[in-house]
N, C-alpha and C. Protein backbone atom coordinates (compact mmCIF):
# COMPACT_ATOMS: atom_id res chain seq x y z
N MET A 1 200.68 125.03 -73.01
CA MET A 1 199.99 123.83 -72.58
C MET A 1 198.72 124.18 -71.84
N ASN A 2 198.82 125.15 -70.97
CA ASN A 2 197.68 125.60 -70.21
C ASN A 2 196.58 126.13 -71.13
N ARG A 3 197.01 126.86 -72.13
CA ARG A 3 196.07 127.44 -73.09
C ARG A 3 195.33 126.33 -73.86
N THR A 4 195.99 125.31 -74.26
CA THR A 4 195.40 124.20 -74.99
C THR A 4 194.38 123.47 -74.13
N LEU A 5 194.69 123.29 -72.87
CA LEU A 5 193.78 122.60 -71.96
C LEU A 5 192.50 123.41 -71.74
N VAL A 6 192.64 124.71 -71.61
CA VAL A 6 191.47 125.59 -71.42
C VAL A 6 190.62 125.58 -72.69
N SER A 7 191.24 125.63 -73.85
CA SER A 7 190.50 125.62 -75.11
C SER A 7 189.72 124.32 -75.29
N ALA A 8 190.35 123.21 -74.97
CA ALA A 8 189.68 121.92 -75.09
C ALA A 8 188.52 121.82 -74.12
N LEU A 9 188.68 122.36 -72.91
CA LEU A 9 187.62 122.33 -71.91
C LEU A 9 186.43 123.18 -72.35
N VAL A 10 186.71 124.35 -72.89
CA VAL A 10 185.64 125.24 -73.36
C VAL A 10 184.88 124.60 -74.52
N LEU A 11 185.59 124.01 -75.46
CA LEU A 11 184.94 123.34 -76.59
C LEU A 11 184.10 122.16 -76.13
N SER A 12 184.56 121.42 -75.16
CA SER A 12 183.79 120.29 -74.64
C SER A 12 182.50 120.74 -74.00
N LEU A 13 182.58 121.78 -73.20
CA LEU A 13 181.37 122.31 -72.55
C LEU A 13 180.38 122.86 -73.57
N ALA A 14 180.90 123.53 -74.59
CA ALA A 14 180.03 124.05 -75.64
C ALA A 14 179.33 122.92 -76.38
N GLY A 15 180.05 121.84 -76.65
CA GLY A 15 179.45 120.69 -77.32
C GLY A 15 178.38 120.04 -76.48
N LEU A 16 178.61 119.92 -75.19
CA LEU A 16 177.59 119.35 -74.31
C LEU A 16 176.35 120.21 -74.23
N ALA A 17 176.54 121.52 -74.17
CA ALA A 17 175.40 122.43 -74.09
C ALA A 17 174.58 122.36 -75.37
N ALA A 18 175.26 122.33 -76.50
CA ALA A 18 174.55 122.26 -77.78
C ALA A 18 173.80 120.94 -77.91
N GLY A 19 174.42 119.85 -77.51
CA GLY A 19 173.77 118.55 -77.60
C GLY A 19 172.55 118.45 -76.71
N SER A 20 172.61 119.00 -75.52
CA SER A 20 171.46 118.93 -74.63
C SER A 20 170.32 119.83 -75.11
N SER A 21 170.67 120.99 -75.71
CA SER A 21 169.59 121.85 -76.22
C SER A 21 168.93 121.20 -77.44
N TYR A 22 169.70 120.50 -78.25
CA TYR A 22 169.12 119.80 -79.41
C TYR A 22 168.20 118.68 -78.94
N ALA A 23 168.60 117.97 -77.91
CA ALA A 23 167.76 116.90 -77.38
C ALA A 23 166.48 117.46 -76.79
N ALA A 24 166.57 118.65 -76.17
CA ALA A 24 165.37 119.26 -75.61
C ALA A 24 164.41 119.67 -76.72
N ASP A 25 164.95 120.19 -77.85
CA ASP A 25 164.09 120.56 -78.98
C ASP A 25 163.40 119.34 -79.56
N ALA A 26 164.09 118.23 -79.65
CA ALA A 26 163.50 117.01 -80.19
C ALA A 26 162.41 116.50 -79.26
N ALA A 27 162.62 116.66 -77.95
CA ALA A 27 161.60 116.21 -77.00
C ALA A 27 160.37 117.09 -77.08
N ASP A 28 160.55 118.38 -77.37
CA ASP A 28 159.43 119.30 -77.48
C ASP A 28 158.59 119.00 -78.72
N ALA A 29 159.20 118.43 -79.75
CA ALA A 29 158.47 118.14 -80.98
C ALA A 29 157.36 117.12 -80.73
N GLY A 30 157.51 116.26 -79.76
CA GLY A 30 156.45 115.34 -79.40
C GLY A 30 156.43 114.05 -80.20
N LYS A 31 157.39 113.83 -81.05
CA LYS A 31 157.42 112.61 -81.84
C LYS A 31 158.59 111.75 -81.40
N THR A 32 158.33 110.48 -81.32
CA THR A 32 159.41 109.56 -80.98
C THR A 32 160.12 109.14 -82.25
N ARG A 33 161.22 108.48 -82.09
CA ARG A 33 161.98 107.99 -83.23
C ARG A 33 161.14 107.01 -84.04
N ASP A 34 160.39 106.16 -83.35
CA ASP A 34 159.54 105.19 -84.05
C ASP A 34 158.44 105.87 -84.85
N GLN A 35 157.88 106.96 -84.31
CA GLN A 35 156.85 107.68 -85.04
C GLN A 35 157.41 108.30 -86.32
N VAL A 36 158.59 108.87 -86.20
CA VAL A 36 159.22 109.48 -87.38
C VAL A 36 159.55 108.42 -88.42
N ARG A 37 160.04 107.27 -87.98
CA ARG A 37 160.34 106.19 -88.92
C ARG A 37 159.08 105.68 -89.59
N ALA A 38 157.97 105.60 -88.83
CA ALA A 38 156.71 105.15 -89.40
C ALA A 38 156.20 106.15 -90.45
N GLU A 39 156.35 107.45 -90.17
CA GLU A 39 155.94 108.47 -91.14
C GLU A 39 156.79 108.38 -92.41
N LEU A 40 158.08 108.17 -92.24
CA LEU A 40 158.96 108.04 -93.40
C LEU A 40 158.59 106.81 -94.22
N PHE A 41 158.32 105.70 -93.56
CA PHE A 41 157.92 104.48 -94.27
C PHE A 41 156.63 104.71 -95.05
N GLU A 42 155.65 105.38 -94.44
CA GLU A 42 154.38 105.65 -95.12
C GLU A 42 154.58 106.59 -96.31
N ALA A 43 155.44 107.59 -96.15
CA ALA A 43 155.71 108.51 -97.25
C ALA A 43 156.38 107.79 -98.42
N ARG A 44 157.31 106.89 -98.11
CA ARG A 44 157.95 106.12 -99.18
C ARG A 44 156.97 105.19 -99.86
N ARG A 45 156.09 104.57 -99.07
CA ARG A 45 155.11 103.63 -99.62
C ARG A 45 154.11 104.35 -100.54
N SER A 46 153.71 105.56 -100.16
CA SER A 46 152.72 106.29 -100.95
C SER A 46 153.36 107.16 -102.03
N GLY A 47 154.70 107.22 -102.07
CA GLY A 47 155.38 108.02 -103.08
C GLY A 47 155.37 109.50 -102.77
N ASP A 48 155.16 109.85 -101.52
CA ASP A 48 155.06 111.24 -101.11
C ASP A 48 156.42 111.81 -100.70
N VAL A 49 157.47 111.40 -101.40
CA VAL A 49 158.82 111.90 -101.17
C VAL A 49 159.32 112.50 -102.48
N LEU A 50 160.25 113.44 -102.38
CA LEU A 50 160.77 114.09 -103.57
C LEU A 50 161.58 113.12 -104.42
N ALA A 51 161.38 113.20 -105.72
CA ALA A 51 162.13 112.36 -106.65
C ALA A 51 163.52 112.94 -106.85
N ASP A 52 164.42 112.11 -107.33
CA ASP A 52 165.75 112.60 -107.65
C ASP A 52 165.66 113.57 -108.81
N GLY A 53 166.48 114.55 -108.83
CA GLY A 53 166.48 115.51 -109.92
C GLY A 53 166.18 116.90 -109.40
N GLN A 54 166.03 117.82 -110.32
CA GLN A 54 165.88 119.22 -109.95
C GLN A 54 164.48 119.76 -110.18
N ILE A 55 163.53 118.93 -110.57
CA ILE A 55 162.21 119.46 -110.88
C ILE A 55 161.34 119.64 -109.65
N GLY A 56 161.68 119.01 -108.54
CA GLY A 56 160.93 119.19 -107.31
C GLY A 56 159.61 118.45 -107.27
N ALA A 57 159.43 117.47 -108.11
CA ALA A 57 158.18 116.70 -108.12
C ALA A 57 158.32 115.48 -107.21
N LYS A 58 157.20 115.04 -106.69
CA LYS A 58 157.19 113.85 -105.85
C LYS A 58 157.08 112.61 -106.74
N LEU A 59 157.46 111.48 -106.18
CA LEU A 59 157.43 110.23 -106.95
C LEU A 59 156.02 109.88 -107.40
N ASN A 60 155.02 110.10 -106.55
CA ASN A 60 153.64 109.76 -106.93
C ASN A 60 153.09 110.71 -107.99
N GLU A 61 153.73 111.87 -108.19
CA GLU A 61 153.33 112.76 -109.28
C GLU A 61 153.97 112.33 -110.60
N LEU A 62 155.21 111.85 -110.51
CA LEU A 62 155.90 111.42 -111.73
C LEU A 62 155.42 110.06 -112.23
N HIS A 63 155.13 109.16 -111.30
CA HIS A 63 154.72 107.80 -111.66
C HIS A 63 153.46 107.41 -110.88
N PRO A 64 152.31 108.00 -111.20
CA PRO A 64 151.09 107.72 -110.41
C PRO A 64 150.62 106.27 -110.53
N GLU A 65 151.01 105.59 -111.61
CA GLU A 65 150.56 104.21 -111.79
C GLU A 65 151.23 103.25 -110.80
N GLN A 66 152.33 103.67 -110.19
CA GLN A 66 153.06 102.80 -109.28
C GLN A 66 152.62 102.93 -107.82
N TYR A 67 151.75 103.88 -107.53
CA TYR A 67 151.38 104.13 -106.13
C TYR A 67 149.87 104.08 -105.97
N VAL A 68 149.44 103.63 -104.82
CA VAL A 68 148.03 103.52 -104.50
C VAL A 68 147.51 104.90 -104.13
N ARG A 69 146.36 105.28 -104.70
CA ARG A 69 145.76 106.55 -104.35
C ARG A 69 145.04 106.44 -103.01
N ASN A 70 145.07 107.53 -102.24
CA ASN A 70 144.41 107.52 -100.94
C ASN A 70 142.90 107.54 -101.09
N SER A 71 142.39 108.35 -101.99
CA SER A 71 140.95 108.43 -102.17
C SER A 71 140.55 107.62 -103.40
N ILE A 72 139.58 106.78 -103.23
CA ILE A 72 139.12 105.94 -104.33
C ILE A 72 137.94 106.64 -104.99
N GLU A 73 138.09 106.93 -106.27
CA GLU A 73 137.02 107.60 -107.01
C GLU A 73 136.07 106.55 -107.58
N GLN A 74 134.81 106.90 -107.59
CA GLN A 74 133.82 106.02 -108.18
C GLN A 74 133.96 106.10 -109.70
N PRO A 75 133.98 104.98 -110.38
CA PRO A 75 134.06 105.03 -111.84
C PRO A 75 132.76 105.59 -112.43
N LYS A 76 132.89 106.22 -113.59
CA LYS A 76 131.72 106.80 -114.25
C LYS A 76 130.94 105.71 -114.97
N THR A 77 129.65 105.91 -115.06
CA THR A 77 128.82 104.97 -115.79
C THR A 77 128.96 105.23 -117.29
N ARG A 78 128.51 104.29 -118.08
CA ARG A 78 128.58 104.44 -119.53
C ARG A 78 127.77 105.66 -119.98
N GLU A 79 126.63 105.87 -119.36
CA GLU A 79 125.78 107.01 -119.72
C GLU A 79 126.47 108.34 -119.43
N GLN A 80 127.20 108.42 -118.30
CA GLN A 80 127.91 109.65 -117.96
C GLN A 80 129.02 109.93 -118.96
N VAL A 81 129.73 108.90 -119.37
CA VAL A 81 130.82 109.07 -120.33
C VAL A 81 130.27 109.51 -121.68
N LEU A 82 129.18 108.90 -122.11
CA LEU A 82 128.57 109.28 -123.39
C LEU A 82 128.04 110.70 -123.35
N ALA A 83 127.48 111.11 -122.20
CA ALA A 83 126.99 112.49 -122.07
C ALA A 83 128.15 113.49 -122.14
N GLU A 84 129.27 113.16 -121.49
CA GLU A 84 130.44 114.04 -121.55
C GLU A 84 130.99 114.12 -122.97
N LEU A 85 130.99 113.00 -123.68
CA LEU A 85 131.46 112.99 -125.06
C LEU A 85 130.57 113.86 -125.95
N ALA A 86 129.26 113.75 -125.77
CA ALA A 86 128.34 114.56 -126.56
C ALA A 86 128.54 116.05 -126.28
N ASP A 87 128.75 116.41 -125.00
CA ASP A 87 129.00 117.82 -124.65
C ASP A 87 130.29 118.31 -125.29
N ALA A 88 131.33 117.49 -125.25
CA ALA A 88 132.62 117.88 -125.83
C ALA A 88 132.50 118.06 -127.33
N ARG A 89 131.75 117.18 -128.00
CA ARG A 89 131.55 117.33 -129.45
C ARG A 89 130.78 118.60 -129.76
N ARG A 90 129.75 118.85 -128.98
CA ARG A 90 128.90 120.02 -129.21
C ARG A 90 129.69 121.32 -129.00
N ASN A 91 130.58 121.34 -128.01
CA ASN A 91 131.34 122.54 -127.69
C ASN A 91 132.66 122.65 -128.44
N GLY A 92 132.98 121.66 -129.29
CA GLY A 92 134.23 121.69 -130.05
C GLY A 92 135.45 121.47 -129.19
N GLU A 93 135.34 120.68 -128.11
CA GLU A 93 136.45 120.48 -127.18
C GLU A 93 137.23 119.20 -127.43
N LEU A 94 136.89 118.43 -128.46
CA LEU A 94 137.63 117.21 -128.75
C LEU A 94 138.94 117.57 -129.43
N ALA A 95 140.00 116.86 -129.09
CA ALA A 95 141.30 117.10 -129.71
C ALA A 95 141.25 116.59 -131.15
N THR A 96 141.83 117.37 -132.04
CA THR A 96 141.86 116.97 -133.44
C THR A 96 143.12 116.15 -133.68
N PHE A 97 143.24 115.61 -134.88
CA PHE A 97 144.39 114.79 -135.21
C PHE A 97 145.65 115.65 -135.24
N GLY A 98 146.76 115.07 -134.93
CA GLY A 98 148.03 115.78 -134.96
C GLY A 98 148.69 115.79 -133.60
N GLU A 99 149.87 116.36 -133.57
CA GLU A 99 150.66 116.33 -132.36
C GLU A 99 150.49 117.56 -131.49
N ILE A 100 149.90 118.62 -132.00
CA ILE A 100 149.85 119.85 -131.23
C ILE A 100 148.68 119.89 -130.26
N GLY A 101 147.71 119.01 -130.39
CA GLY A 101 146.64 118.89 -129.41
C GLY A 101 145.62 120.00 -129.43
N LEU A 102 145.43 120.65 -130.56
CA LEU A 102 144.40 121.69 -130.64
C LEU A 102 143.03 121.05 -130.70
N THR A 103 142.06 121.74 -130.14
CA THR A 103 140.68 121.28 -130.26
C THR A 103 140.12 121.78 -131.57
N LEU A 104 138.98 121.27 -131.96
CA LEU A 104 138.34 121.70 -133.19
C LEU A 104 138.00 123.19 -133.11
N GLN A 105 137.59 123.64 -131.93
CA GLN A 105 137.27 125.05 -131.73
C GLN A 105 138.51 125.93 -131.91
N ASP A 106 139.68 125.43 -131.49
CA ASP A 106 140.92 126.19 -131.65
C ASP A 106 141.35 126.26 -133.11
N ARG A 107 141.16 125.16 -133.84
CA ARG A 107 141.59 125.12 -135.24
C ARG A 107 140.69 125.93 -136.14
N THR A 108 139.39 125.83 -135.94
CA THR A 108 138.44 126.55 -136.79
C THR A 108 137.45 127.29 -135.91
N PRO A 109 137.86 128.42 -135.35
CA PRO A 109 136.95 129.16 -134.46
C PRO A 109 135.78 129.74 -135.23
N LEU A 110 134.70 129.91 -134.53
CA LEU A 110 133.52 130.52 -135.15
C LEU A 110 133.80 131.99 -135.43
N PRO A 111 133.27 132.52 -136.53
CA PRO A 111 133.44 133.95 -136.76
C PRO A 111 132.77 134.76 -135.64
N ALA A 112 133.24 135.98 -135.46
CA ALA A 112 132.72 136.82 -134.38
C ALA A 112 131.22 137.04 -134.52
N ALA A 113 130.73 137.13 -135.74
CA ALA A 113 129.31 137.37 -135.94
C ALA A 113 128.47 136.21 -135.40
N GLN A 114 128.94 134.99 -135.57
CA GLN A 114 128.18 133.85 -135.08
C GLN A 114 128.27 133.72 -133.57
N GLU A 115 129.42 134.09 -132.98
CA GLU A 115 129.55 133.99 -131.53
C GLU A 115 128.64 134.99 -130.83
N ILE A 116 128.54 136.20 -131.39
CA ILE A 116 127.74 137.24 -130.76
C ILE A 116 126.26 137.04 -131.07
N GLY A 117 125.97 136.46 -132.19
CA GLY A 117 124.59 136.23 -132.57
C GLY A 117 124.10 137.24 -133.60
N VAL A 118 125.01 137.98 -134.23
CA VAL A 118 124.65 138.93 -135.26
C VAL A 118 124.35 138.16 -136.53
N ALA A 119 123.36 138.61 -137.27
CA ALA A 119 122.99 137.92 -138.50
C ALA A 119 124.15 137.99 -139.49
N ALA A 120 124.49 136.85 -140.09
CA ALA A 120 125.58 136.78 -141.06
C ALA A 120 125.11 137.33 -142.40
N LYS A 121 126.07 137.57 -143.29
CA LYS A 121 125.74 138.10 -144.61
C LYS A 121 125.08 137.02 -145.46
N THR A 122 124.32 137.47 -146.42
CA THR A 122 123.69 136.52 -147.35
C THR A 122 124.72 136.09 -148.37
N ARG A 123 124.40 135.03 -149.08
CA ARG A 123 125.31 134.52 -150.11
C ARG A 123 125.55 135.57 -151.19
N ALA A 124 124.52 136.29 -151.56
CA ALA A 124 124.66 137.32 -152.60
C ALA A 124 125.60 138.43 -152.15
N GLU A 125 125.52 138.84 -150.87
CA GLU A 125 126.41 139.87 -150.36
C GLU A 125 127.86 139.40 -150.37
N VAL A 126 128.08 138.17 -149.99
CA VAL A 126 129.44 137.62 -149.97
C VAL A 126 129.98 137.54 -151.39
N CYS A 127 129.18 137.08 -152.33
CA CYS A 127 129.63 137.00 -153.73
C CYS A 127 129.96 138.38 -154.28
N ALA A 128 129.16 139.38 -153.92
CA ALA A 128 129.44 140.75 -154.39
C ALA A 128 130.74 141.27 -153.80
N GLU A 129 131.00 140.98 -152.52
CA GLU A 129 132.25 141.40 -151.89
C GLU A 129 133.45 140.71 -152.55
N LEU A 130 133.31 139.44 -152.85
CA LEU A 130 134.38 138.70 -153.49
C LEU A 130 134.68 139.26 -154.87
N PHE A 131 133.65 139.54 -155.64
CA PHE A 131 133.83 140.10 -156.98
C PHE A 131 134.56 141.44 -156.90
N GLU A 132 134.17 142.29 -155.95
CA GLU A 132 134.79 143.61 -155.79
C GLU A 132 136.26 143.47 -155.36
N ALA A 133 136.56 142.53 -154.47
CA ALA A 133 137.94 142.32 -154.01
C ALA A 133 138.81 141.82 -155.15
N ARG A 134 138.27 140.96 -155.99
CA ARG A 134 139.03 140.48 -157.15
C ARG A 134 139.30 141.61 -158.13
N ARG A 135 138.28 142.44 -158.33
CA ARG A 135 138.39 143.53 -159.28
C ARG A 135 139.42 144.57 -158.83
N THR A 136 139.46 144.87 -157.55
CA THR A 136 140.36 145.92 -157.05
C THR A 136 141.70 145.38 -156.55
N GLY A 137 141.87 144.06 -156.47
CA GLY A 137 143.13 143.48 -156.03
C GLY A 137 143.29 143.45 -154.52
N ASP A 138 142.21 143.52 -153.79
CA ASP A 138 142.27 143.51 -152.32
C ASP A 138 142.23 142.11 -151.73
N MET A 139 142.53 141.12 -152.52
CA MET A 139 142.59 139.74 -152.01
C MET A 139 144.03 139.40 -151.67
N VAL A 140 144.23 138.63 -150.62
CA VAL A 140 145.58 138.21 -150.23
C VAL A 140 146.01 137.10 -151.17
N GLU A 141 147.20 137.29 -151.73
CA GLU A 141 147.73 136.28 -152.63
C GLU A 141 148.22 135.09 -151.82
N SER A 142 148.07 133.90 -152.38
CA SER A 142 148.52 132.72 -151.66
C SER A 142 150.04 132.77 -151.53
N GLY A 143 150.51 132.38 -150.39
CA GLY A 143 151.94 132.41 -150.12
C GLY A 143 152.18 132.84 -148.68
N GLU A 144 153.43 132.97 -148.35
CA GLU A 144 153.78 133.26 -146.97
C GLU A 144 153.92 134.74 -146.67
N MET A 145 153.94 135.58 -147.68
CA MET A 145 154.20 136.99 -147.45
C MET A 145 152.98 137.74 -146.93
N GLY A 146 151.80 137.31 -147.30
CA GLY A 146 150.58 137.96 -146.83
C GLY A 146 150.26 139.27 -147.54
N LEU A 147 150.80 139.46 -148.72
CA LEU A 147 150.52 140.67 -149.48
C LEU A 147 149.27 140.51 -150.33
N THR A 148 148.59 141.62 -150.59
CA THR A 148 147.42 141.57 -151.46
C THR A 148 147.89 141.54 -152.91
N LEU A 149 146.98 141.21 -153.80
CA LEU A 149 147.32 141.18 -155.22
C LEU A 149 147.72 142.57 -155.71
N LYS A 150 147.08 143.60 -155.17
CA LYS A 150 147.41 144.97 -155.56
C LYS A 150 148.85 145.31 -155.15
N GLN A 151 149.30 144.81 -154.00
CA GLN A 151 150.66 145.08 -153.55
C GLN A 151 151.68 144.27 -154.36
N GLN A 152 151.30 143.05 -154.75
CA GLN A 152 152.21 142.20 -155.51
C GLN A 152 152.34 142.66 -156.96
N HIS A 153 151.24 143.06 -157.56
CA HIS A 153 151.21 143.43 -158.99
C HIS A 153 150.56 144.79 -159.14
N PRO A 154 151.26 145.87 -158.79
CA PRO A 154 150.63 147.20 -158.83
C PRO A 154 150.27 147.64 -160.25
N SER A 155 150.96 147.20 -161.25
CA SER A 155 150.65 147.64 -162.62
C SER A 155 149.29 147.11 -163.09
N ARG A 156 148.86 145.99 -162.57
CA ARG A 156 147.57 145.43 -163.00
C ARG A 156 146.39 146.18 -162.38
N TYR A 157 146.58 146.77 -161.20
CA TYR A 157 145.45 147.33 -160.47
C TYR A 157 145.58 148.85 -160.30
N ASN A 158 146.48 149.49 -161.02
CA ASN A 158 146.67 150.94 -160.92
C ASN A 158 145.44 151.70 -161.40
N ARG A 159 144.88 151.31 -162.52
CA ARG A 159 143.79 152.05 -163.11
C ARG A 159 142.45 151.75 -162.45
N VAL A 160 142.37 150.69 -161.64
CA VAL A 160 141.12 150.34 -160.98
C VAL A 160 141.02 151.15 -159.69
N SER A 161 139.87 151.79 -159.51
CA SER A 161 139.68 152.54 -158.27
C SER A 161 138.30 152.37 -157.72
C-alpha cells in the first residue's frame, strides 16, 4: 500500500512538472491562442494547408481555381500575346496535335548542319548519294527491324561493291 501511494505521488509530481514546462514553452513562443486560431483560419481560407492523401500537396496547389491568389497579376495586352505567339511559332515551341504534347521542334528537329550553320548539300549531291545507297543496298528497309537492304537480302547485293 505504501509503495502504491509513493508511486502515485511521484507520477503526479512528474505530470505537474511536465505540464508547467509545456506551458512555459507555449508562453515563450509569443503567440496567443487567438493568434494561432487566426493563422489557421487564414491558412484554410487561402488553401495553404496540406490536402488529404500522400502526395504532400497543398489544397491551393491541387485546386488553384477555388482559392484567391495573394498577388494579382496584370493581364497581358493583345499585342503582348500576339508577340509571344509569333515567337513560339518562329522557335517551334507550339504543341503539335496529339496527346504526347511534343512541340514541332521536338517532332521534326533541324538537321545538325542547319543548327550549326554549315552549308547543306546541293540537290545533285543528295541525289547522287541516294543512287549510290540504292545501288549498294545501304538504305534502311521500311519496317521495325531497322536493317538495311543489304542485310535483309544479301544475295542481291553480294556482287556490288
